[in-house]
N, C-alpha and C. Protein backbone atom coordinates (compact mmCIF):
# COMPACT_ATOMS: atom_id res chain seq x y z
N MET A 1 237.43 211.64 258.78
CA MET A 1 236.72 212.02 257.61
C MET A 1 237.01 211.04 256.47
N ALA A 2 238.19 210.53 256.40
CA ALA A 2 238.52 209.52 255.42
C ALA A 2 237.66 208.31 255.63
N ASP A 3 237.39 208.00 256.94
CA ASP A 3 236.52 206.86 257.19
C ASP A 3 235.10 207.13 256.71
N ASP A 4 234.68 208.40 256.88
CA ASP A 4 233.33 208.74 256.41
C ASP A 4 233.24 208.61 254.90
N ASP A 5 234.32 209.04 254.18
CA ASP A 5 234.31 208.93 252.72
C ASP A 5 234.29 207.46 252.30
N ALA A 6 235.01 206.62 252.98
CA ALA A 6 235.05 205.20 252.64
C ALA A 6 233.72 204.56 252.90
N THR A 7 233.04 204.96 253.98
CA THR A 7 231.75 204.35 254.29
C THR A 7 230.67 204.83 253.33
N ASN A 8 230.82 206.00 252.75
CA ASN A 8 229.83 206.50 251.78
C ASN A 8 230.11 205.98 250.37
N GLY A 9 231.16 205.20 250.18
CA GLY A 9 231.48 204.64 248.87
C GLY A 9 232.20 205.62 247.99
N MET A 10 232.83 206.61 248.62
CA MET A 10 233.54 207.59 247.81
C MET A 10 234.99 207.58 248.23
N SER A 11 235.86 207.72 247.28
CA SER A 11 237.27 207.85 247.61
C SER A 11 237.65 209.29 247.42
N THR A 12 238.73 209.65 247.92
CA THR A 12 239.15 211.03 247.88
C THR A 12 239.46 211.44 246.44
N GLY A 13 238.91 212.48 246.04
CA GLY A 13 239.18 213.05 244.72
C GLY A 13 238.28 212.50 243.62
N THR A 14 237.78 211.33 243.75
CA THR A 14 236.89 210.79 242.71
C THR A 14 235.64 210.25 243.37
N ALA A 15 234.56 210.35 242.63
CA ALA A 15 233.29 209.87 243.17
C ALA A 15 232.96 208.55 242.51
N THR A 16 232.63 207.57 243.24
CA THR A 16 232.22 206.27 242.71
C THR A 16 230.73 206.14 242.99
N LEU A 17 229.99 205.96 241.93
CA LEU A 17 228.53 205.84 242.09
C LEU A 17 228.17 204.37 241.98
N THR A 18 227.36 203.96 242.82
CA THR A 18 226.90 202.57 242.75
C THR A 18 225.56 202.56 242.03
N PRO A 19 225.36 201.63 241.07
CA PRO A 19 224.10 201.59 240.32
C PRO A 19 222.96 201.23 241.25
N PRO A 20 221.77 201.68 240.88
CA PRO A 20 220.62 201.34 241.71
C PRO A 20 220.34 199.85 241.65
N ALA A 21 219.65 199.39 242.57
CA ALA A 21 219.28 197.97 242.62
C ALA A 21 218.36 197.65 241.45
N PRO A 22 218.40 196.42 240.94
CA PRO A 22 217.60 196.06 239.78
C PRO A 22 216.10 196.35 239.93
N ALA A 23 215.58 196.28 241.07
CA ALA A 23 214.15 196.53 241.28
C ALA A 23 213.81 198.00 241.02
N ASP A 24 214.85 198.88 241.10
CA ASP A 24 214.59 200.30 240.91
C ASP A 24 214.65 200.70 239.44
N ARG A 25 215.12 199.84 238.50
CA ARG A 25 215.22 200.19 237.08
C ARG A 25 213.82 200.26 236.46
N LYS A 26 213.63 201.27 235.58
CA LYS A 26 212.34 201.45 234.93
C LYS A 26 212.11 200.38 233.87
N GLU A 27 213.21 199.86 233.21
CA GLU A 27 213.06 198.89 232.13
C GLU A 27 212.48 197.58 232.62
N ASP A 28 212.63 197.27 233.86
CA ASP A 28 212.19 195.98 234.36
C ASP A 28 210.80 196.02 234.99
N THR A 29 210.14 197.11 234.89
CA THR A 29 208.81 197.18 235.50
C THR A 29 207.81 196.46 234.60
N PRO A 30 206.75 195.90 235.15
CA PRO A 30 205.73 195.22 234.34
C PRO A 30 205.11 196.16 233.30
N GLN A 31 204.97 197.42 233.65
CA GLN A 31 204.40 198.38 232.71
C GLN A 31 205.31 198.54 231.49
N HIS A 32 206.63 198.61 231.72
CA HIS A 32 207.58 198.75 230.63
C HIS A 32 207.58 197.50 229.75
N ARG A 33 207.51 196.32 230.36
CA ARG A 33 207.48 195.07 229.58
C ARG A 33 206.21 195.00 228.73
N ARG A 34 205.08 195.44 229.27
CA ARG A 34 203.83 195.46 228.49
C ARG A 34 203.96 196.41 227.31
N ARG A 35 204.59 197.56 227.52
CA ARG A 35 204.78 198.53 226.44
C ARG A 35 205.67 197.94 225.35
N LEU A 36 206.75 197.25 225.72
CA LEU A 36 207.63 196.61 224.74
C LEU A 36 206.87 195.54 223.97
N HIS A 37 206.09 194.75 224.65
CA HIS A 37 205.31 193.70 224.01
C HIS A 37 204.30 194.30 223.03
N ARG A 38 203.61 195.35 223.47
CA ARG A 38 202.62 196.02 222.62
C ARG A 38 203.31 196.62 221.39
N ASN A 39 204.46 197.23 221.54
CA ASN A 39 205.20 197.81 220.40
C ASN A 39 205.63 196.71 219.43
N GLY A 40 206.07 195.59 219.95
CA GLY A 40 206.47 194.46 219.09
C GLY A 40 205.28 193.92 218.29
N VAL A 41 204.14 193.80 218.97
CA VAL A 41 202.93 193.32 218.29
C VAL A 41 202.51 194.32 217.21
N LEU A 42 202.54 195.62 217.52
CA LEU A 42 202.18 196.64 216.55
C LEU A 42 203.13 196.62 215.35
N PHE A 43 204.41 196.41 215.60
CA PHE A 43 205.39 196.33 214.54
C PHE A 43 205.09 195.15 213.61
N LEU A 44 204.81 193.99 214.20
CA LEU A 44 204.47 192.81 213.40
C LEU A 44 203.18 193.03 212.61
N LEU A 45 202.19 193.63 213.24
CA LEU A 45 200.94 193.93 212.53
C LEU A 45 201.20 194.88 211.36
N GLY A 46 202.05 195.86 211.56
CA GLY A 46 202.40 196.79 210.49
C GLY A 46 203.05 196.07 209.31
N ILE A 47 203.94 195.13 209.60
CA ILE A 47 204.58 194.35 208.54
C ILE A 47 203.54 193.51 207.81
N ILE A 48 202.64 192.88 208.54
CA ILE A 48 201.60 192.05 207.92
C ILE A 48 200.70 192.90 207.03
N VAL A 49 200.29 194.07 207.52
CA VAL A 49 199.43 194.96 206.72
C VAL A 49 200.16 195.43 205.47
N ALA A 50 201.43 195.78 205.60
CA ALA A 50 202.21 196.23 204.44
C ALA A 50 202.34 195.12 203.41
N MET A 51 202.56 193.90 203.87
CA MET A 51 202.66 192.77 202.94
C MET A 51 201.31 192.52 202.27
N ALA A 52 200.23 192.59 203.02
CA ALA A 52 198.89 192.39 202.44
C ALA A 52 198.60 193.47 201.40
N LEU A 53 198.95 194.71 201.68
CA LEU A 53 198.75 195.79 200.71
C LEU A 53 199.58 195.57 199.45
N ALA A 54 200.79 195.09 199.62
CA ALA A 54 201.64 194.81 198.46
C ALA A 54 201.03 193.72 197.59
N VAL A 55 200.48 192.68 198.22
CA VAL A 55 199.84 191.59 197.47
C VAL A 55 198.60 192.11 196.73
N VAL A 56 197.77 192.90 197.43
CA VAL A 56 196.56 193.46 196.81
C VAL A 56 196.94 194.37 195.63
N CYS A 57 197.95 195.20 195.83
CA CYS A 57 198.39 196.08 194.73
C CYS A 57 198.89 195.27 193.54
N ALA A 58 199.66 194.23 193.80
CA ALA A 58 200.19 193.40 192.71
C ALA A 58 199.05 192.72 191.96
N LEU A 59 198.07 192.18 192.69
CA LEU A 59 196.94 191.52 192.04
C LEU A 59 196.11 192.52 191.24
N THR A 60 195.88 193.68 191.80
CA THR A 60 195.12 194.72 191.10
C THR A 60 195.86 195.15 189.84
N TRP A 61 197.16 195.33 189.94
CA TRP A 61 197.96 195.73 188.78
C TRP A 61 197.89 194.67 187.69
N ASN A 62 197.95 193.39 188.09
CA ASN A 62 197.83 192.31 187.10
C ASN A 62 196.47 192.33 186.43
N ASP A 63 195.40 192.59 187.20
CA ASP A 63 194.05 192.67 186.62
C ASP A 63 193.95 193.83 185.64
N VAL A 64 194.52 194.97 186.02
CA VAL A 64 194.49 196.14 185.14
C VAL A 64 195.24 195.85 183.85
N ARG A 65 196.40 195.22 183.97
CA ARG A 65 197.18 194.88 182.77
C ARG A 65 196.44 193.86 181.92
N ALA A 66 195.81 192.87 182.55
CA ALA A 66 195.05 191.86 181.80
C ALA A 66 193.87 192.51 181.08
N ASP A 67 193.18 193.44 181.75
CA ASP A 67 192.06 194.14 181.12
C ASP A 67 192.55 194.98 179.95
N ALA A 68 193.68 195.64 180.12
CA ALA A 68 194.23 196.45 179.03
C ALA A 68 194.63 195.56 177.85
N ARG A 69 195.26 194.40 178.17
CA ARG A 69 195.62 193.46 177.11
C ARG A 69 194.37 192.95 176.41
N SER A 70 193.35 192.61 177.18
CA SER A 70 192.10 192.10 176.62
C SER A 70 191.45 193.15 175.73
N SER A 71 191.43 194.38 176.19
CA SER A 71 190.84 195.46 175.41
C SER A 71 191.64 195.69 174.13
N ALA A 72 192.94 195.64 174.23
CA ALA A 72 193.80 195.81 173.04
C ALA A 72 193.59 194.66 172.06
N ASP A 73 193.47 193.43 172.59
CA ASP A 73 193.22 192.27 171.72
C ASP A 73 191.88 192.41 171.02
N ARG A 74 190.86 192.83 171.76
CA ARG A 74 189.53 193.00 171.15
C ARG A 74 189.58 194.02 170.01
N GLU A 75 190.27 195.11 170.24
CA GLU A 75 190.41 196.14 169.20
C GLU A 75 191.19 195.59 168.01
N MET A 76 192.25 194.81 168.28
CA MET A 76 193.04 194.22 167.21
C MET A 76 192.19 193.26 166.39
N PHE A 77 191.38 192.41 167.06
CA PHE A 77 190.50 191.47 166.35
C PHE A 77 189.51 192.23 165.46
N LEU A 78 188.91 193.27 166.03
CA LEU A 78 187.93 194.04 165.28
C LEU A 78 188.55 194.68 164.04
N GLN A 79 189.71 195.29 164.21
CA GLN A 79 190.39 195.93 163.08
C GLN A 79 190.82 194.92 162.02
N ALA A 80 191.27 193.74 162.46
CA ALA A 80 191.68 192.70 161.51
C ALA A 80 190.47 192.21 160.71
N GLY A 81 189.32 192.06 161.37
CA GLY A 81 188.11 191.65 160.67
C GLY A 81 187.66 192.68 159.65
N ARG A 82 187.69 193.95 160.07
CA ARG A 82 187.32 195.04 159.16
C ARG A 82 188.26 195.08 157.94
N GLN A 83 189.56 195.02 158.23
CA GLN A 83 190.55 195.11 157.14
C GLN A 83 190.45 193.90 156.23
N GLY A 84 190.23 192.72 156.79
CA GLY A 84 190.10 191.51 155.97
C GLY A 84 188.92 191.62 155.02
N ALA A 85 187.79 192.11 155.54
CA ALA A 85 186.60 192.28 154.69
C ALA A 85 186.85 193.35 153.62
N LEU A 86 187.52 194.41 154.00
CA LEU A 86 187.83 195.47 153.03
C LEU A 86 188.77 194.94 151.94
N ASN A 87 189.76 194.15 152.32
CA ASN A 87 190.68 193.56 151.35
C ASN A 87 189.94 192.66 150.35
N LEU A 88 188.99 191.89 150.87
CA LEU A 88 188.25 190.96 150.00
C LEU A 88 187.27 191.67 149.06
N THR A 89 186.84 192.85 149.44
CA THR A 89 185.83 193.55 148.63
C THR A 89 186.42 194.67 147.77
N THR A 90 187.70 194.93 147.89
CA THR A 90 188.32 196.00 147.11
C THR A 90 189.44 195.39 146.26
N ILE A 91 189.10 195.13 145.00
CA ILE A 91 190.06 194.51 144.08
C ILE A 91 189.93 195.19 142.72
N ARG A 92 191.05 195.68 142.23
CA ARG A 92 191.07 196.34 140.91
C ARG A 92 191.83 195.46 139.93
N TRP A 93 191.31 195.35 138.73
CA TRP A 93 191.93 194.49 137.72
C TRP A 93 193.35 194.93 137.37
N ASP A 94 193.60 196.25 137.42
CA ASP A 94 194.93 196.74 137.07
C ASP A 94 195.91 196.70 138.25
N ASN A 95 195.44 196.20 139.39
CA ASN A 95 196.28 196.10 140.58
C ASN A 95 196.03 194.77 141.30
N VAL A 96 195.49 193.80 140.57
CA VAL A 96 195.01 192.57 141.19
C VAL A 96 196.12 191.78 141.89
N ASP A 97 197.32 191.78 141.33
CA ASP A 97 198.41 191.03 141.97
C ASP A 97 198.69 191.55 143.38
N SER A 98 198.77 192.86 143.52
CA SER A 98 199.00 193.45 144.85
C SER A 98 197.80 193.24 145.77
N ASP A 99 196.60 193.35 145.21
CA ASP A 99 195.39 193.16 146.02
C ASP A 99 195.30 191.74 146.57
N VAL A 100 195.61 190.76 145.71
CA VAL A 100 195.59 189.36 146.15
C VAL A 100 196.69 189.12 147.18
N GLN A 101 197.86 189.70 146.97
CA GLN A 101 198.95 189.52 147.93
C GLN A 101 198.57 190.12 149.29
N ARG A 102 197.86 191.25 149.27
CA ARG A 102 197.41 191.87 150.52
C ARG A 102 196.44 190.93 151.26
N ILE A 103 195.57 190.25 150.52
CA ILE A 103 194.65 189.29 151.14
C ILE A 103 195.44 188.14 151.75
N LEU A 104 196.41 187.63 151.01
CA LEU A 104 197.23 186.52 151.52
C LEU A 104 198.04 186.93 152.74
N ASP A 105 198.59 188.14 152.72
CA ASP A 105 199.40 188.62 153.85
C ASP A 105 198.56 188.79 155.11
N GLY A 106 197.27 189.01 154.95
CA GLY A 106 196.39 189.22 156.10
C GLY A 106 195.60 188.00 156.51
N SER A 107 196.01 186.81 156.00
CA SER A 107 195.25 185.61 156.30
C SER A 107 196.16 184.49 156.78
N THR A 108 195.53 183.42 157.28
CA THR A 108 196.28 182.29 157.82
C THR A 108 195.46 181.02 157.68
N GLY A 109 196.09 179.89 157.93
CA GLY A 109 195.40 178.61 158.00
C GLY A 109 194.80 178.16 156.68
N ALA A 110 193.68 177.43 156.80
CA ALA A 110 193.02 176.85 155.63
C ALA A 110 192.53 177.94 154.67
N PHE A 111 192.07 179.06 155.21
CA PHE A 111 191.61 180.14 154.35
C PHE A 111 192.75 180.65 153.47
N HIS A 112 193.90 180.87 154.07
CA HIS A 112 195.08 181.33 153.34
C HIS A 112 195.46 180.31 152.26
N ASP A 113 195.53 179.04 152.65
CA ASP A 113 195.95 178.00 151.71
C ASP A 113 194.98 177.88 150.55
N ASP A 114 193.68 177.92 150.84
CA ASP A 114 192.67 177.81 149.80
C ASP A 114 192.75 179.00 148.84
N PHE A 115 192.86 180.20 149.39
CA PHE A 115 192.94 181.39 148.56
C PHE A 115 194.22 181.39 147.72
N ALA A 116 195.32 180.95 148.32
CA ALA A 116 196.59 180.90 147.60
C ALA A 116 196.51 179.92 146.43
N SER A 117 195.82 178.80 146.64
CA SER A 117 195.72 177.81 145.56
C SER A 117 194.87 178.30 144.39
N ARG A 118 193.99 179.25 144.63
CA ARG A 118 193.12 179.79 143.58
C ARG A 118 193.58 181.16 143.08
N ALA A 119 194.61 181.70 143.63
CA ALA A 119 195.03 183.08 143.33
C ALA A 119 195.35 183.29 141.86
N GLU A 120 196.07 182.37 141.26
CA GLU A 120 196.49 182.57 139.88
C GLU A 120 195.29 182.63 138.93
N SER A 121 194.38 181.68 139.05
CA SER A 121 193.20 181.69 138.17
C SER A 121 192.30 182.88 138.48
N PHE A 122 192.24 183.29 139.74
CA PHE A 122 191.46 184.46 140.13
C PHE A 122 192.04 185.71 139.46
N ASN A 123 193.35 185.85 139.49
CA ASN A 123 194.02 187.00 138.85
C ASN A 123 193.70 187.07 137.36
N VAL A 124 193.78 185.91 136.69
CA VAL A 124 193.52 185.86 135.25
C VAL A 124 192.08 186.29 134.96
N LEU A 125 191.13 185.76 135.72
CA LEU A 125 189.71 186.09 135.52
C LEU A 125 189.44 187.58 135.70
N VAL A 126 189.99 188.15 136.78
CA VAL A 126 189.77 189.58 137.08
C VAL A 126 190.37 190.45 135.98
N LYS A 127 191.54 190.08 135.48
CA LYS A 127 192.19 190.87 134.42
C LYS A 127 191.40 190.76 133.11
N GLN A 128 190.94 189.57 132.78
CA GLN A 128 190.18 189.38 131.53
C GLN A 128 188.88 190.19 131.55
N ALA A 129 188.20 190.18 132.70
CA ALA A 129 186.92 190.89 132.79
C ALA A 129 187.12 192.37 133.08
N GLN A 130 188.36 192.74 133.36
CA GLN A 130 188.66 194.12 133.80
C GLN A 130 187.68 194.53 134.91
N SER A 131 187.60 193.64 135.86
CA SER A 131 186.66 193.81 136.98
C SER A 131 187.27 194.68 138.07
N THR A 132 186.44 195.56 138.58
CA THR A 132 186.85 196.41 139.70
C THR A 132 185.74 196.38 140.74
N SER A 133 186.11 196.10 141.96
CA SER A 133 185.15 196.18 143.06
C SER A 133 185.74 197.06 144.15
N GLU A 134 184.87 197.87 144.69
CA GLU A 134 185.30 198.80 145.74
C GLU A 134 184.38 198.64 146.94
N GLY A 135 184.96 198.18 148.04
CA GLY A 135 184.18 197.94 149.25
C GLY A 135 184.27 199.09 150.22
N THR A 136 183.19 199.30 150.93
CA THR A 136 183.15 200.28 152.02
C THR A 136 182.54 199.57 153.23
N ILE A 137 183.25 199.57 154.33
CA ILE A 137 182.74 198.92 155.54
C ILE A 137 181.76 199.88 156.21
N THR A 138 180.52 199.42 156.37
CA THR A 138 179.51 200.28 156.99
C THR A 138 179.37 200.01 158.48
N GLU A 139 179.54 198.76 158.89
CA GLU A 139 179.46 198.39 160.30
C GLU A 139 180.37 197.20 160.56
N ALA A 140 180.89 197.12 161.78
CA ALA A 140 181.66 195.93 162.19
C ALA A 140 181.58 195.82 163.69
N GLY A 141 181.47 194.59 164.16
CA GLY A 141 181.41 194.37 165.61
C GLY A 141 181.84 192.96 165.94
N LEU A 142 182.32 192.79 167.16
CA LEU A 142 182.75 191.47 167.62
C LEU A 142 181.53 190.64 168.00
N GLU A 143 181.48 189.43 167.48
CA GLU A 143 180.42 188.51 167.89
C GLU A 143 180.89 187.68 169.07
N THR A 144 182.09 187.09 168.95
CA THR A 144 182.65 186.29 170.03
C THR A 144 184.16 186.51 170.09
N VAL A 145 184.69 186.32 171.29
CA VAL A 145 186.15 186.32 171.50
C VAL A 145 186.44 185.13 172.40
N THR A 146 187.29 184.22 171.91
CA THR A 146 187.65 183.05 172.69
C THR A 146 189.16 182.88 172.60
N GLY A 147 189.85 183.23 173.66
CA GLY A 147 191.30 183.09 173.68
C GLY A 147 191.96 183.90 172.59
N ASP A 148 192.61 183.20 171.66
CA ASP A 148 193.35 183.86 170.57
C ASP A 148 192.55 183.95 169.29
N MET A 149 191.22 183.74 169.37
CA MET A 149 190.38 183.81 168.18
C MET A 149 189.15 184.67 168.45
N ALA A 150 188.62 185.23 167.37
CA ALA A 150 187.40 186.04 167.49
C ALA A 150 186.62 185.94 166.18
N THR A 151 185.33 186.18 166.31
CA THR A 151 184.46 186.26 165.14
C THR A 151 183.97 187.69 165.03
N VAL A 152 184.17 188.28 163.86
CA VAL A 152 183.79 189.66 163.62
C VAL A 152 182.67 189.67 162.57
N LEU A 153 181.58 190.33 162.89
CA LEU A 153 180.50 190.50 161.93
C LEU A 153 180.72 191.82 161.21
N VAL A 154 180.72 191.76 159.87
CA VAL A 154 181.03 192.95 159.07
C VAL A 154 179.92 193.16 158.05
N ALA A 155 179.46 194.39 157.96
CA ALA A 155 178.53 194.80 156.89
C ALA A 155 179.29 195.72 155.97
N ALA A 156 179.19 195.43 154.66
CA ALA A 156 179.93 196.23 153.67
C ALA A 156 179.01 196.56 152.50
N THR A 157 179.32 197.66 151.87
CA THR A 157 178.68 198.02 150.61
C THR A 157 179.74 197.88 149.53
N VAL A 158 179.40 197.13 148.46
CA VAL A 158 180.38 196.85 147.42
C VAL A 158 179.85 197.34 146.08
N LYS A 159 180.66 198.14 145.44
CA LYS A 159 180.34 198.66 144.10
C LYS A 159 181.24 197.95 143.11
N THR A 160 180.64 197.32 142.08
CA THR A 160 181.40 196.51 141.13
C THR A 160 181.17 197.00 139.71
N SER A 161 182.23 196.94 138.92
CA SER A 161 182.09 197.25 137.48
C SER A 161 182.96 196.28 136.69
N ASN A 162 182.47 195.92 135.47
CA ASN A 162 183.18 195.02 134.56
C ASN A 162 183.17 195.63 133.16
N THR A 163 184.11 195.17 132.33
CA THR A 163 184.12 195.58 130.94
C THR A 163 182.89 195.00 130.25
N GLY A 164 182.20 195.82 129.48
CA GLY A 164 181.06 195.35 128.73
C GLY A 164 179.79 195.23 129.54
N ALA A 165 179.80 195.58 130.80
CA ALA A 165 178.58 195.51 131.62
C ALA A 165 178.29 196.90 132.15
N ALA A 166 177.04 197.19 132.27
CA ALA A 166 176.64 198.49 132.83
C ALA A 166 177.07 198.56 134.29
N GLU A 167 177.33 199.77 134.75
CA GLU A 167 177.73 199.94 136.15
C GLU A 167 176.59 199.46 137.05
N GLN A 168 176.94 198.65 138.00
CA GLN A 168 175.93 198.05 138.88
C GLN A 168 175.70 198.93 140.10
N ASP A 169 174.50 198.78 140.65
CA ASP A 169 174.20 199.47 141.91
C ASP A 169 175.02 198.82 143.03
N PRO A 170 175.40 199.60 144.03
CA PRO A 170 176.13 199.01 145.16
C PRO A 170 175.31 197.90 145.83
N ARG A 171 175.99 196.87 146.25
CA ARG A 171 175.34 195.75 146.93
C ARG A 171 175.78 195.70 148.38
N ALA A 172 174.85 195.28 149.21
CA ALA A 172 175.16 195.12 150.64
C ALA A 172 175.62 193.68 150.88
N TRP A 173 176.77 193.54 151.48
CA TRP A 173 177.31 192.23 151.83
C TRP A 173 177.43 192.16 153.34
N ARG A 174 177.13 190.99 153.88
CA ARG A 174 177.36 190.74 155.30
C ARG A 174 178.26 189.52 155.43
N MET A 175 179.27 189.65 156.24
CA MET A 175 180.26 188.59 156.39
C MET A 175 180.51 188.28 157.85
N LYS A 176 180.82 187.02 158.09
CA LYS A 176 181.30 186.59 159.41
C LYS A 176 182.77 186.24 159.20
N VAL A 177 183.63 187.06 159.76
CA VAL A 177 185.08 186.91 159.56
C VAL A 177 185.70 186.37 160.84
N THR A 178 186.33 185.21 160.74
CA THR A 178 187.04 184.64 161.89
C THR A 178 188.49 185.09 161.81
N VAL A 179 188.97 185.65 162.91
CA VAL A 179 190.36 186.12 162.97
C VAL A 179 191.09 185.39 164.08
N GLN A 180 192.36 185.18 163.88
CA GLN A 180 193.19 184.43 164.82
C GLN A 180 194.43 185.23 165.13
N LYS A 181 194.76 185.29 166.41
CA LYS A 181 195.95 186.02 166.84
C LYS A 181 197.19 185.24 166.42
N ASP A 182 198.12 185.97 165.83
CA ASP A 182 199.39 185.39 165.40
C ASP A 182 200.49 186.35 165.81
N GLY A 183 201.09 186.10 166.97
CA GLY A 183 202.09 187.03 167.51
C GLY A 183 201.41 188.30 167.95
N ASP A 184 201.85 189.43 167.38
CA ASP A 184 201.29 190.72 167.79
C ASP A 184 200.24 191.25 166.82
N ARG A 185 199.73 190.39 165.94
CA ARG A 185 198.67 190.80 165.02
C ARG A 185 197.65 189.69 164.87
N ALA A 186 196.52 190.02 164.27
CA ALA A 186 195.46 189.04 164.03
C ALA A 186 195.28 188.88 162.53
N LEU A 187 195.06 187.63 162.11
CA LEU A 187 194.93 187.30 160.69
C LEU A 187 193.59 186.62 160.44
N VAL A 188 193.07 186.81 159.25
CA VAL A 188 191.80 186.19 158.86
C VAL A 188 192.03 184.70 158.67
N SER A 189 191.21 183.87 159.35
CA SER A 189 191.34 182.42 159.20
C SER A 189 190.11 181.81 158.54
N ASN A 190 189.02 182.57 158.42
CA ASN A 190 187.83 182.05 157.73
C ASN A 190 186.90 183.21 157.41
N VAL A 191 186.14 183.06 156.33
CA VAL A 191 185.15 184.08 155.94
C VAL A 191 183.89 183.34 155.49
N GLU A 192 182.78 183.74 156.06
CA GLU A 192 181.47 183.21 155.63
C GLU A 192 180.61 184.38 155.24
N PHE A 193 179.86 184.21 154.15
CA PHE A 193 178.91 185.25 153.76
C PHE A 193 177.58 184.93 154.44
N VAL A 194 177.02 185.94 155.07
CA VAL A 194 175.80 185.78 155.85
C VAL A 194 174.63 186.35 155.05
N PRO A 195 173.54 185.57 154.87
CA PRO A 195 172.39 186.08 154.12
C PRO A 195 171.67 187.20 154.86
């Protein structure tokens, strides 16, 4: 019986199992190799699709942010044009120094420099005439936007009074106000009166 146990590959008291021959393993079958290959290809495709989605999401997010920035800039340009026109049309003789400073604070470039050079004589004239003008913006819209600059068309009604003159009827003014982005705000860089 000991010989029978030895011939069966078993020793007394313990069982020794011999592994199956390599041809009998399921991992080495052509079907199993095809399944592994297919899973690897699917995994790689999944990674490629995930990366493509990440790129598309990033590009879309950048477009959304750029559109939001563009929309915010357009609104900033429009408001700067409106405020610039309002500043230019609302000047009181008893507050002219502050009114002129407000115009200077909201302007830049050649327009600022030109207005600053005439500010003192302008103040004297307004005080002597005791002139008061009050502007009301009736309409405003963007004509063009190019990079950091925009042109704003503004329609205003201006009521003016002077010492020794009868109160005048309100006048309609139309202006083309050029505004320029300066950091996080826009400043008036030119004003033209439109007939």
